[in-house]
Amino acid sequence: ANAGGAVVLINPYRARLSQACVCGAMVKKPLRQRVHTCVCG
């Protein structure tokens, strides 16, 4: 708030950020896979 911003709480189970891609693909990855790679490039 002091910096003019806001905090948004994200539910990690619903958002699934590590599985999502901007092309809409959702690919579940094992934790040991440290690189997100998608067919869209």
Full PDB file with SEQRES, HELIX, SHEET, SSBOND, CRYST1, ORIGX, SCALE, CONECT and MASTER records, all heavy atoms in Angstrom:
SEQRES   1 A   41  ALA ASN ALA GLY GLY ALA VAL VAL LEU ILE ASN PRO TYR          
SEQRES   2 A   41  ARG ALA ARG LEU SER GLN ALA CYS VAL CYS GLY ALA MET          
SEQRES   3 A   41  VAL LYS LYS PRO LEU ARG GLN ARG VAL HIS THR CYS VAL          
SEQRES   4 A   41  CYS GLY                                                      
HELIX    1 AA1 PRO A   12  ALA A   15  1                                   4    
CRYST1    1.000    1.000    1.000  90.00  90.00  90.00 P 1           1          
ORIGX1      1.000000  0.000000  0.000000        0.00000                         
ORIGX2      0.000000  1.000000  0.000000        0.00000                         
ORIGX3      0.000000  0.000000  1.000000        0.00000                         
SCALE1      1.000000  0.000000  0.000000        0.00000                         
SCALE2      0.000000  1.000000  0.000000        0.00000                         
SCALE3      0.000000  0.000000  1.000000        0.00000                         
ATOM      1  N   ALA A   1       0.838  -1.206   0.000  1.00  0.00           N  
ATOM      2  CA  ALA A   1       0.000   0.000   0.000  1.00  0.00           C  
ATOM      3  C   ALA A   1       0.874   1.257   0.000  1.00  0.00           C  
ATOM      4  O   ALA A   1       0.577   2.235  -0.702  1.00  0.00           O  
ATOM      5  CB  ALA A   1      -0.935  -0.003   1.203  1.00  0.00           C  
ATOM      6  N   ASN A   2       1.954   1.232   0.767  1.00  0.00           N  
ATOM      7  CA  ASN A   2       2.876   2.385   0.795  1.00  0.00           C  
ATOM      8  C   ASN A   2       3.536   2.620  -0.560  1.00  0.00           C  
ATOM      9  O   ASN A   2       3.877   3.745  -0.901  1.00  0.00           O  
ATOM     10  CB  ASN A   2       3.946   2.190   1.864  1.00  0.00           C  
ATOM     11  CG  ASN A   2       3.395   2.347   3.266  1.00  0.00           C  
ATOM     12  OD1 ASN A   2       2.336   2.938   3.466  1.00  0.00           O  
ATOM     13  ND2 ASN A   2       4.097   1.802   4.244  1.00  0.00           N  
ATOM     14  N   ALA A   3       3.709   1.560  -1.321  1.00  0.00           N  
ATOM     15  CA  ALA A   3       4.330   1.666  -2.644  1.00  0.00           C  
ATOM     16  C   ALA A   3       3.287   1.886  -3.742  1.00  0.00           C  
ATOM     17  O   ALA A   3       3.633   1.927  -4.923  1.00  0.00           O  
ATOM     18  CB  ALA A   3       5.139   0.412  -2.938  1.00  0.00           C  
ATOM     19  N   GLY A   4       2.009   1.978  -3.360  1.00  0.00           N  
ATOM     20  CA  GLY A   4       0.958   2.205  -4.351  1.00  0.00           C  
ATOM     21  C   GLY A   4       0.452   0.932  -4.999  1.00  0.00           C  
ATOM     22  O   GLY A   4      -0.212   0.981  -6.030  1.00  0.00           O  
ATOM     23  N   GLY A   5       0.745  -0.213  -4.425  1.00  0.00           N  
ATOM     24  CA  GLY A   5       0.323  -1.494  -4.990  1.00  0.00           C  
ATOM     25  C   GLY A   5      -0.661  -2.212  -4.093  1.00  0.00           C  
ATOM     26  O   GLY A   5      -1.210  -1.628  -3.163  1.00  0.00           O  
ATOM     27  N   ALA A   6      -0.878  -3.459  -4.384  1.00  0.00           N  
ATOM     28  CA  ALA A   6      -1.784  -4.289  -3.601  1.00  0.00           C  
ATOM     29  C   ALA A   6      -1.264  -5.717  -3.581  1.00  0.00           C  
ATOM     30  O   ALA A   6      -0.493  -6.123  -4.449  1.00  0.00           O  
ATOM     31  CB  ALA A   6      -3.185  -4.253  -4.197  1.00  0.00           C  
ATOM     32  N   VAL A   7      -1.710  -6.473  -2.597  1.00  0.00           N  
ATOM     33  CA  VAL A   7      -1.347  -7.879  -2.469  1.00  0.00           C  
ATOM     34  C   VAL A   7      -2.532  -8.716  -2.924  1.00  0.00           C  
ATOM     35  O   VAL A   7      -3.660  -8.478  -2.512  1.00  0.00           O  
ATOM     36  CB  VAL A   7      -0.983  -8.231  -1.008  1.00  0.00           C  
ATOM     37  CG1 VAL A   7      -0.767  -9.722  -0.845  1.00  0.00           C  
ATOM     38  CG2 VAL A   7       0.253  -7.469  -0.583  1.00  0.00           C  
ATOM     39  N   VAL A   8      -2.271  -9.674  -3.790  1.00  0.00           N  
ATOM     40  CA  VAL A   8      -3.311 -10.602  -4.243  1.00  0.00           C  
ATOM     41  C   VAL A   8      -2.886 -11.990  -3.794  1.00  0.00           C  
ATOM     42  O   VAL A   8      -1.811 -12.459  -4.158  1.00  0.00           O  
ATOM     43  CB  VAL A   8      -3.467 -10.569  -5.784  1.00  0.00           C  
ATOM     44  CG1 VAL A   8      -4.466 -11.610  -6.241  1.00  0.00           C  
ATOM     45  CG2 VAL A   8      -3.862  -9.186  -6.249  1.00  0.00           C  
ATOM     46  N   LEU A   9      -3.728 -12.638  -2.984  1.00  0.00           N  
ATOM     47  CA  LEU A   9      -3.431 -14.000  -2.538  1.00  0.00           C  
ATOM     48  C   LEU A   9      -3.826 -14.974  -3.637  1.00  0.00           C  
ATOM     49  O   LEU A   9      -4.919 -14.892  -4.188  1.00  0.00           O  
ATOM     50  CB  LEU A   9      -4.196 -14.310  -1.253  1.00  0.00           C  
ATOM     51  CG  LEU A   9      -3.854 -13.420  -0.060  1.00  0.00           C  
ATOM     52  CD1 LEU A   9      -4.726 -13.781   1.135  1.00  0.00           C  
ATOM     53  CD2 LEU A   9      -2.387 -13.529   0.295  1.00  0.00           C  
ATOM     54  N   ILE A  10      -2.935 -15.879  -3.953  1.00  0.00           N  
ATOM     55  CA  ILE A  10      -3.168 -16.838  -5.032  1.00  0.00           C  
ATOM     56  C   ILE A  10      -3.268 -18.234  -4.435  1.00  0.00           C  
ATOM     57  O   ILE A  10      -2.381 -18.661  -3.697  1.00  0.00           O  
ATOM     58  CB  ILE A  10      -2.026 -16.781  -6.062  1.00  0.00           C  
ATOM     59  CG1 ILE A  10      -1.970 -15.400  -6.689  1.00  0.00           C  
ATOM     60  CG2 ILE A  10      -2.199 -17.856  -7.115  1.00  0.00           C  
ATOM     61  CD1 ILE A  10      -0.789 -15.185  -7.602  1.00  0.00           C  
ATOM     62  N   ASN A  11      -4.324 -18.946  -4.770  1.00  0.00           N  
ATOM     63  CA  ASN A  11      -4.500 -20.321  -4.344  1.00  0.00           C  
ATOM     64  C   ASN A  11      -3.667 -21.199  -5.280  1.00  0.00           C  
ATOM     65  O   ASN A  11      -4.002 -21.354  -6.454  1.00  0.00           O  
ATOM     66  CB  ASN A  11      -5.978 -20.721  -4.416  1.00  0.00           C  
ATOM     67  CG  ASN A  11      -6.226 -22.141  -3.955  1.00  0.00           C  
ATOM     68  OD1 ASN A  11      -5.321 -22.971  -3.932  1.00  0.00           O  
ATOM     69  ND2 ASN A  11      -7.461 -22.414  -3.591  1.00  0.00           N  
ATOM     70  N   PRO A  12      -2.573 -21.796  -4.794  1.00  0.00           N  
ATOM     71  CA  PRO A  12      -1.689 -22.554  -5.683  1.00  0.00           C  
ATOM     72  C   PRO A  12      -2.343 -23.801  -6.277  1.00  0.00           C  
ATOM     73  O   PRO A  12      -1.964 -24.246  -7.350  1.00  0.00           O  
ATOM     74  CB  PRO A  12      -0.505 -22.927  -4.793  1.00  0.00           C  
ATOM     75  CG  PRO A  12      -1.022 -22.832  -3.402  1.00  0.00           C  
ATOM     76  CD  PRO A  12      -2.106 -21.796  -3.420  1.00  0.00           C  
ATOM     77  N   TYR A  13      -3.334 -24.360  -5.593  1.00  0.00           N  
ATOM     78  CA  TYR A  13      -3.987 -25.562  -6.111  1.00  0.00           C  
ATOM     79  C   TYR A  13      -4.948 -25.235  -7.253  1.00  0.00           C  
ATOM     80  O   TYR A  13      -5.125 -26.027  -8.162  1.00  0.00           O  
ATOM     81  CB  TYR A  13      -4.722 -26.292  -4.987  1.00  0.00           C  
ATOM     82  CG  TYR A  13      -3.763 -26.773  -3.937  1.00  0.00           C  
ATOM     83  CD1 TYR A  13      -3.640 -26.116  -2.729  1.00  0.00           C  
ATOM     84  CD2 TYR A  13      -2.933 -27.864  -4.185  1.00  0.00           C  
ATOM     85  CE1 TYR A  13      -2.742 -26.551  -1.773  1.00  0.00           C  
ATOM     86  CE2 TYR A  13      -2.025 -28.297  -3.243  1.00  0.00           C  
ATOM     87  CZ  TYR A  13      -1.935 -27.643  -2.040  1.00  0.00           C  
ATOM     88  OH  TYR A  13      -1.036 -28.068  -1.104  1.00  0.00           O  
ATOM     89  N   ARG A  14      -5.547 -24.065  -7.214  1.00  0.00           N  
ATOM     90  CA  ARG A  14      -6.457 -23.661  -8.298  1.00  0.00           C  
ATOM     91  C   ARG A  14      -5.713 -23.028  -9.460  1.00  0.00           C  
ATOM     92  O   ARG A  14      -6.046 -23.245 -10.616  1.00  0.00           O  
ATOM     93  CB  ARG A  14      -7.494 -22.671  -7.763  1.00  0.00           C  
ATOM     94  CG  ARG A  14      -8.529 -23.329  -6.928  1.00  0.00           C  
ATOM     95  CD  ARG A  14      -9.852 -22.706  -7.227  1.00  0.00           C  
ATOM     96  NE  ARG A  14     -10.875 -23.497  -6.584  1.00  0.00           N  
ATOM     97  CZ  ARG A  14     -11.831 -22.997  -5.864  1.00  0.00           C  
ATOM     98  NH1 ARG A  14     -11.912 -21.698  -5.685  1.00  0.00           N  
ATOM     99  NH2 ARG A  14     -12.730 -23.777  -5.323  1.00  0.00           N  
ATOM    100  N   ALA A  15      -4.719 -22.218  -9.156  1.00  0.00           N  
ATOM    101  CA  ALA A  15      -4.019 -21.478 -10.214  1.00  0.00           C  
ATOM    102  C   ALA A  15      -3.140 -22.404 -11.052  1.00  0.00           C  
ATOM    103  O   ALA A  15      -3.027 -22.217 -12.256  1.00  0.00           O  
ATOM    104  CB  ALA A  15      -3.177 -20.363  -9.603  1.00  0.00           C  
ATOM    105  N   ARG A  16      -2.486 -23.376 -10.453  1.00  0.00           N  
ATOM    106  CA  ARG A  16      -1.599 -24.325 -11.142  1.00  0.00           C  
ATOM    107  C   ARG A  16      -0.630 -23.601 -12.086  1.00  0.00           C  
ATOM    108  O   ARG A  16      -0.501 -23.942 -13.261  1.00  0.00           O  
ATOM    109  CB  ARG A  16      -2.406 -25.371 -11.889  1.00  0.00           C  
ATOM    110  CG  ARG A  16      -3.322 -26.159 -10.989  1.00  0.00           C  
ATOM    111  CD  ARG A  16      -4.039 -27.250 -11.687  1.00  0.00           C  
ATOM    112  NE  ARG A  16      -4.650 -26.806 -12.924  1.00  0.00           N  
ATOM    113  CZ  ARG A  16      -5.320 -27.583 -13.735  1.00  0.00           C  
ATOM    114  NH1 ARG A  16      -5.492 -28.836 -13.454  1.00  0.00           N  
ATOM    115  NH2 ARG A  16      -5.842 -27.125 -14.851  1.00  0.00           N  
ATOM    116  N   LEU A  17       0.035 -22.598 -11.564  1.00  0.00           N  
ATOM    117  CA  LEU A  17       0.892 -21.743 -12.394  1.00  0.00           C  
ATOM    118  C   LEU A  17       2.038 -22.494 -13.060  1.00  0.00           C  
ATOM    119  O   LEU A  17       2.413 -22.178 -14.184  1.00  0.00           O  
ATOM    120  CB  LEU A  17       1.437 -20.589 -11.554  1.00  0.00           C  
ATOM    121  CG  LEU A  17       0.379 -19.643 -11.002  1.00  0.00           C  
ATOM    122  CD1 LEU A  17       1.027 -18.632 -10.064  1.00  0.00           C  
ATOM    123  CD2 LEU A  17      -0.378 -18.962 -12.111  1.00  0.00           C  
ATOM    124  N   SER A  18       2.606 -23.485 -12.380  1.00  0.00           N  
ATOM    125  CA  SER A  18       3.731 -24.201 -12.980  1.00  0.00           C  
ATOM    126  C   SER A  18       3.286 -25.156 -14.079  1.00  0.00           C  
ATOM    127  O   SER A  18       4.109 -25.681 -14.821  1.00  0.00           O  
ATOM    128  CB  SER A  18       4.504 -24.985 -11.909  1.00  0.00           C  
ATOM    129  OG  SER A  18       3.686 -26.007 -11.377  1.00  0.00           O  
ATOM    130  N   GLN A  19       1.974 -25.376 -14.206  1.00  0.00           N  
ATOM    131  CA  GLN A  19       1.459 -26.283 -15.227  1.00  0.00           C  
ATOM    132  C   GLN A  19       0.888 -25.542 -16.434  1.00  0.00           C  
ATOM    133  O   GLN A  19       0.687 -26.129 -17.486  1.00  0.00           O  
ATOM    134  CB  GLN A  19       0.349 -27.157 -14.632  1.00  0.00           C  
ATOM    135  CG  GLN A  19       0.816 -28.011 -13.489  1.00  0.00           C  
ATOM    136  CD  GLN A  19      -0.330 -28.769 -12.855  1.00  0.00           C  
ATOM    137  OE1 GLN A  19      -1.383 -28.931 -13.443  1.00  0.00           O  
ATOM    138  NE2 GLN A  19      -0.118 -29.244 -11.646  1.00  0.00           N  
ATOM    139  N   ALA A  20       0.623 -24.254 -16.296  1.00  0.00           N  
ATOM    140  CA  ALA A  20      -0.073 -23.489 -17.334  1.00  0.00           C  
ATOM    141  C   ALA A  20       0.890 -22.847 -18.323  1.00  0.00           C  
ATOM    142  O   ALA A  20       2.044 -22.575 -18.006  1.00  0.00           O  
ATOM    143  CB  ALA A  20      -0.926 -22.405 -16.688  1.00  0.00           C  
ATOM    144  N   CYS A  21       0.383 -22.602 -19.514  1.00  0.00           N  
ATOM    145  CA  CYS A  21       1.132 -21.881 -20.538  1.00  0.00           C  
ATOM    146  C   CYS A  21       0.203 -20.825 -21.142  1.00  0.00           C  
ATOM    147  O   CYS A  21      -1.019 -20.958 -21.076  1.00  0.00           O  
ATOM    148  CB  CYS A  21       1.632 -22.829 -21.621  1.00  0.00           C  
ATOM    149  SG  CYS A  21       2.767 -21.999 -22.766  1.00  0.00           S  
ATOM    150  N   VAL A  22       0.771 -19.803 -21.756  1.00  0.00           N  
ATOM    151  CA  VAL A  22      -0.037 -18.738 -22.335  1.00  0.00           C  
ATOM    152  C   VAL A  22      -0.884 -19.214 -23.504  1.00  0.00           C  
ATOM    153  O   VAL A  22      -1.879 -18.588 -23.843  1.00  0.00           O  
ATOM    154  CB  VAL A  22       0.829 -17.534 -22.778  1.00  0.00           C  
ATOM    155  CG1 VAL A  22       1.432 -16.842 -21.591  1.00  0.00           C  
ATOM    156  CG2 VAL A  22       1.886 -17.949 -23.756  1.00  0.00           C  
ATOM    157  N   CYS A  23      -0.519 -20.345 -24.109  1.00  0.00           N  
ATOM    158  CA  CYS A  23      -1.309 -20.868 -25.224  1.00  0.00           C  
ATOM    159  C   CYS A  23      -2.551 -21.611 -24.734  1.00  0.00           C  
ATOM    160  O   CYS A  23      -3.396 -22.008 -25.533  1.00  0.00           O  
ATOM    161  CB  CYS A  23      -0.454 -21.793 -26.093  1.00  0.00           C  
ATOM    162  SG  CYS A  23       0.034 -23.322 -25.274  1.00  0.00           S  
ATOM    163  N   GLY A  24      -2.671 -21.798 -23.404  1.00  0.00           N  
ATOM    164  CA  GLY A  24      -3.822 -22.484 -22.833  1.00  0.00           C  
ATOM    165  C   GLY A  24      -3.561 -23.927 -22.458  1.00  0.00           C  
ATOM    166  O   GLY A  24      -4.372 -24.570 -21.818  1.00  0.00           O  
ATOM    167  N   ALA A  25      -2.411 -24.440 -22.837  1.00  0.00           N  
ATOM    168  CA  ALA A  25      -2.069 -25.833 -22.506  1.00  0.00           C  
ATOM    169  C   ALA A  25      -1.795 -25.966 -21.013  1.00  0.00           C  
ATOM    170  O   ALA A  25      -1.191 -25.091 -20.405  1.00  0.00           O  
ATOM    171  CB  ALA A  25      -0.841 -26.276 -23.299  1.00  0.00           C  
ATOM    172  N   MET A  26      -2.263 -27.068 -20.437  1.00  0.00           N  
ATOM    173  CA  MET A  26      -2.002 -27.384 -19.029  1.00  0.00           C  
ATOM    174  C   MET A  26      -1.292 -28.735 -19.008  1.00  0.00           C  
ATOM    175  O   MET A  26      -1.870 -29.739 -19.424  1.00  0.00           O  
ATOM    176  CB  MET A  26      -3.287 -27.472 -18.226  1.00  0.00           C  
ATOM    177  CG  MET A  26      -4.024 -26.164 -18.106  1.00  0.00           C  
ATOM    178  SD  MET A  26      -3.129 -24.985 -17.115  1.00  0.00           S  
ATOM    179  CE  MET A  26      -3.806 -25.331 -15.529  1.00  0.00           C  
ATOM    180  N   VAL A  27      -0.047 -28.747 -18.566  1.00  0.00           N  
ATOM    181  CA  VAL A  27       0.731 -29.978 -18.537  1.00  0.00           C  
ATOM    182  C   VAL A  27       1.273 -30.172 -17.125  1.00  0.00           C  
ATOM    183  O   VAL A  27       2.032 -29.342 -16.625  1.00  0.00           O  
ATOM    184  CB  VAL A  27       1.910 -29.919 -19.543  1.00  0.00           C  
ATOM    185  CG1 VAL A  27       2.752 -31.172 -19.463  1.00  0.00           C  
ATOM    186  CG2 VAL A  27       1.394 -29.698 -20.944  1.00  0.00           C  
ATOM    187  N   LYS A  28       0.846 -31.247 -16.483  1.00  0.00           N  
ATOM    188  CA  LYS A  28       1.356 -31.564 -15.150  1.00  0.00           C  
ATOM    189  C   LYS A  28       2.788 -32.051 -15.280  1.00  0.00           C  
ATOM    190  O   LYS A  28       3.103 -32.884 -16.122  1.00  0.00           O  
ATOM    191  CB  LYS A  28       0.487 -32.625 -14.498  1.00  0.00           C  
ATOM    192  CG  LYS A  28       0.871 -32.864 -13.063  1.00  0.00           C  
ATOM    193  CD  LYS A  28      -0.164 -33.659 -12.340  1.00  0.00           C  
ATOM    194  CE  LYS A  28       0.327 -33.875 -10.929  1.00  0.00           C  
ATOM    195  NZ  LYS A  28      -0.694 -33.784  -9.958  1.00  0.00           N  
ATOM    196  N   LYS A  29       3.656 -31.491 -14.419  1.00  0.00           N  
ATOM    197  CA  LYS A  29       5.071 -31.834 -14.472  1.00  0.00           C  
ATOM    198  C   LYS A  29       5.506 -32.384 -13.120  1.00  0.00           C  
ATOM    199  O   LYS A  29       5.027 -31.927 -12.087  1.00  0.00           O  
ATOM    200  CB  LYS A  29       5.901 -30.582 -14.767  1.00  0.00           C  
ATOM    201  CG  LYS A  29       5.532 -29.875 -16.041  1.00  0.00           C  
ATOM    202  CD  LYS A  29       6.268 -28.559 -16.107  1.00  0.00           C  
ATOM    203  CE  LYS A  29       5.774 -27.702 -17.219  1.00  0.00           C  
ATOM    204  NZ  LYS A  29       4.489 -27.115 -16.997  1.00  0.00           N  
ATOM    205  N   PRO A  30       6.444 -33.322 -13.113  1.00  0.00           N  
ATOM    206  CA  PRO A  30       7.002 -33.750 -11.829  1.00  0.00           C  
ATOM    207  C   PRO A  30       7.858 -32.612 -11.263  1.00  0.00           C  
ATOM    208  O   PRO A  30       8.373 -31.774 -12.014  1.00  0.00           O  
ATOM    209  CB  PRO A  30       7.858 -34.960 -12.190  1.00  0.00           C  
ATOM    210  CG  PRO A  30       8.159 -34.809 -13.634  1.00  0.00           C  
ATOM    211  CD  PRO A  30       7.012 -34.058 -14.244  1.00  0.00           C  
ATOM    212  N   LEU A  31       8.003 -32.575  -9.954  1.00  0.00           N  
ATOM    213  CA  LEU A  31       8.760 -31.502  -9.317  1.00  0.00           C  
ATOM    214  C   LEU A  31      10.204 -31.442  -9.796  1.00  0.00           C  
ATOM    215  O   LEU A  31      10.796 -30.375  -9.868  1.00  0.00           O  
ATOM    216  CB  LEU A  31       8.716 -31.659  -7.799  1.00  0.00           C  
ATOM    217  CG  LEU A  31       9.263 -30.500  -6.983  1.00  0.00           C  
ATOM    218  CD1 LEU A  31       8.556 -29.197  -7.340  1.00  0.00           C  
ATOM    219  CD2 LEU A  31       9.128 -30.781  -5.511  1.00  0.00           C  
ATOM    220  N   ARG A  32      10.771 -32.564 -10.166  1.00  0.00           N  
ATOM    221  CA  ARG A  32      12.174 -32.574 -10.613  1.00  0.00           C  
ATOM    222  C   ARG A  32      12.347 -31.908 -11.981  1.00  0.00           C  
ATOM    223  O   ARG A  32      13.451 -31.561 -12.367  1.00  0.00           O  
ATOM    224  CB  ARG A  32      12.713 -33.990 -10.637  1.00  0.00           C  
ATOM    225  CG  ARG A  32      12.111 -34.860 -11.697  1.00  0.00           C  
ATOM    226  CD  ARG A  32      12.710 -36.271 -11.680  1.00  0.00           C  
ATOM    227  NE  ARG A  32      12.080 -37.096 -12.666  1.00  0.00           N  
ATOM    228  CZ  ARG A  32      11.008 -37.842 -12.458  1.00  0.00           C  
ATOM    229  NH1 ARG A  32      10.455 -37.881 -11.272  1.00  0.00           N  
ATOM    230  NH2 ARG A  32      10.480 -38.557 -13.425  1.00  0.00           N  
ATOM    231  N   GLN A  33      11.277 -31.721 -12.736  1.00  0.00           N  
ATOM    232  CA  GLN A  33      11.363 -31.032 -14.032  1.00  0.00           C  
ATOM    233  C   GLN A  33      11.361 -29.536 -13.757  1.00  0.00           C  
ATOM    234  O   GLN A  33      10.339 -28.957 -13.435  1.00  0.00           O  
ATOM    235  CB  GLN A  33      10.191 -31.405 -14.938  1.00  0.00           C  
ATOM    236  CG  GLN A  33      10.285 -30.784 -16.310  1.00  0.00           C  
ATOM    237  CD  GLN A  33       9.127 -31.194 -17.201  1.00  0.00           C  
ATOM    238  OE1 GLN A  33       8.383 -32.113 -16.881  1.00  0.00           O  
ATOM    239  NE2 GLN A  33       8.983 -30.505 -18.300  1.00  0.00           N  
ATOM    240  N   ARG A  34      12.504 -28.889 -13.874  1.00  0.00           N  
ATOM    241  CA  ARG A  34      12.673 -27.502 -13.473  1.00  0.00           C  
ATOM    242  C   ARG A  34      12.505 -26.514 -14.619  1.00  0.00           C  
ATOM    243  O   ARG A  34      12.642 -25.317 -14.426  1.00  0.00           O  
ATOM    244  CB  ARG A  34      14.055 -27.309 -12.832  1.00  0.00           C  
ATOM    245  CG  ARG A  34      14.319 -28.186 -11.637  1.00  0.00           C  
ATOM    246  CD  ARG A  34      13.228 -28.147 -10.571  1.00  0.00           C  
ATOM    247  NE  ARG A  34      12.953 -26.798 -10.128  1.00  0.00           N  
ATOM    248  CZ  ARG A  34      11.823 -26.430  -9.544  1.00  0.00           C  
ATOM    249  NH1 ARG A  34      10.862 -27.297  -9.328  1.00  0.00           N  
ATOM    250  NH2 ARG A  34      11.643 -25.189  -9.171  1.00  0.00           N  
ATOM    251  N   VAL A  35      12.200 -26.995 -15.804  1.00  0.00           N  
ATOM    252  CA  VAL A  35      12.039 -26.114 -16.955  1.00  0.00           C  
ATOM    253  C   VAL A  35      10.647 -26.296 -17.543  1.00  0.00           C  
ATOM    254  O   VAL A  35      10.208 -27.414 -17.777  1.00  0.00           O  
ATOM    255  CB  VAL A  35      13.103 -26.415 -18.032  1.00  0.00           C  
ATOM    256  CG1 VAL A  35      12.917 -25.526 -19.243  1.00  0.00           C  
ATOM    257  CG2 VAL A  35      14.486 -26.256 -17.463  1.00  0.00           C  
ATOM    258  N   HIS A  36       9.946 -25.173 -17.746  1.00  0.00           N  
ATOM    259  CA  HIS A  36       8.651 -25.211 -18.426  1.00  0.00           C  
ATOM    260  C   HIS A  36       8.938 -25.106 -19.920  1.00  0.00           C  
ATOM    261  O   HIS A  36       9.526 -24.143 -20.391  1.00  0.00           O  
ATOM    262  CB  HIS A  36       7.777 -24.035 -17.979  1.00  0.00           C  
ATOM    263  CG  HIS A  36       6.572 -23.834 -18.836  1.00  0.00           C  
ATOM    264  ND1 HIS A  36       5.426 -24.570 -18.658  1.00  0.00           N  
ATOM    265  CD2 HIS A  36       6.341 -23.024 -19.896  1.00  0.00           C  
ATOM    266  CE1 HIS A  36       4.534 -24.197 -19.566  1.00  0.00           C  
ATOM    267  NE2 HIS A  36       5.073 -23.266 -20.318  1.00  0.00           N  
ATOM    268  N   THR A  37       8.555 -26.134 -20.665  1.00  0.00           N  
ATOM    269  CA  THR A  37       8.717 -26.142 -22.110  1.00  0.00           C  
ATOM    270  C   THR A  37       7.374 -26.496 -22.724  1.00  0.00           C  
ATOM    271  O   THR A  37       6.709 -27.428 -22.280  1.00  0.00           O  
ATOM    272  CB  THR A  37       9.757 -27.191 -22.537  1.00  0.00           C  
ATOM    273  OG1 THR A  37      10.945 -26.978 -21.783  1.00  0.00           O  
ATOM    274  CG2 THR A  37      10.087 -27.065 -24.003  1.00  0.00           C  
ATOM    275  N   CYS A  38       6.965 -25.742 -23.727  1.00  0.00           N  
ATOM    276  CA  CYS A  38       5.660 -25.968 -24.347  1.00  0.00           C  
ATOM    277  C   CYS A  38       5.820 -26.088 -25.867  1.00  0.00           C  
ATOM    278  O   CYS A  38       6.772 -25.552 -26.442  1.00  0.00           O  
ATOM    279  CB  CYS A  38       4.716 -24.820 -24.011  1.00  0.00           C  
ATOM    280  SG  CYS A  38       3.029 -25.079 -24.589  1.00  0.00           S  
ATOM    281  N   VAL A  39       4.858 -26.756 -26.495  1.00  0.00           N  
ATOM    282  CA  VAL A  39       4.902 -26.911 -27.950  1.00  0.00           C  
ATOM    283  C   VAL A  39       4.732 -25.581 -28.676  1.00  0.00           C  
ATOM    284  O   VAL A  39       5.106 -25.461 -29.835  1.00  0.00           O  
ATOM    285  CB  VAL A  39       3.827 -27.919 -28.433  1.00  0.00           C  
ATOM    286  CG1 VAL A  39       4.118 -29.304 -27.903  1.00  0.00           C  
ATOM    287  CG2 VAL A  39       2.438 -27.475 -28.026  1.00  0.00           C  
ATOM    288  N   CYS A  40       4.197 -24.565 -27.974  1.00  0.00           N  
ATOM    289  CA  CYS A  40       4.026 -23.246 -28.612  1.00  0.00           C  
ATOM    290  C   CYS A  40       5.348 -22.485 -28.714  1.00  0.00           C  
ATOM    291  O   CYS A  40       5.399 -21.418 -29.315  1.00  0.00           O  
ATOM    292  CB  CYS A  40       2.984 -22.423 -27.863  1.00  0.00           C  
ATOM    293  SG  CYS A  40       3.512 -21.846 -26.239  1.00  0.00           S  
ATOM    294  N   GLY A  41       6.416 -23.021 -28.108  1.00  0.00           N  
ATOM    295  CA  GLY A  41       7.729 -22.393 -28.229  1.00  0.00           C  
ATOM    296  C   GLY A  41       8.234 -21.744 -26.956  1.00  0.00           C  
ATOM    297  O   GLY A  41       9.378 -21.298 -26.897  1.00  0.00           O  
TER     298      GLY A  41                                                      
MASTER        0    0    0    1    0    0    0    6  297    1    0    4          
END                                                                             
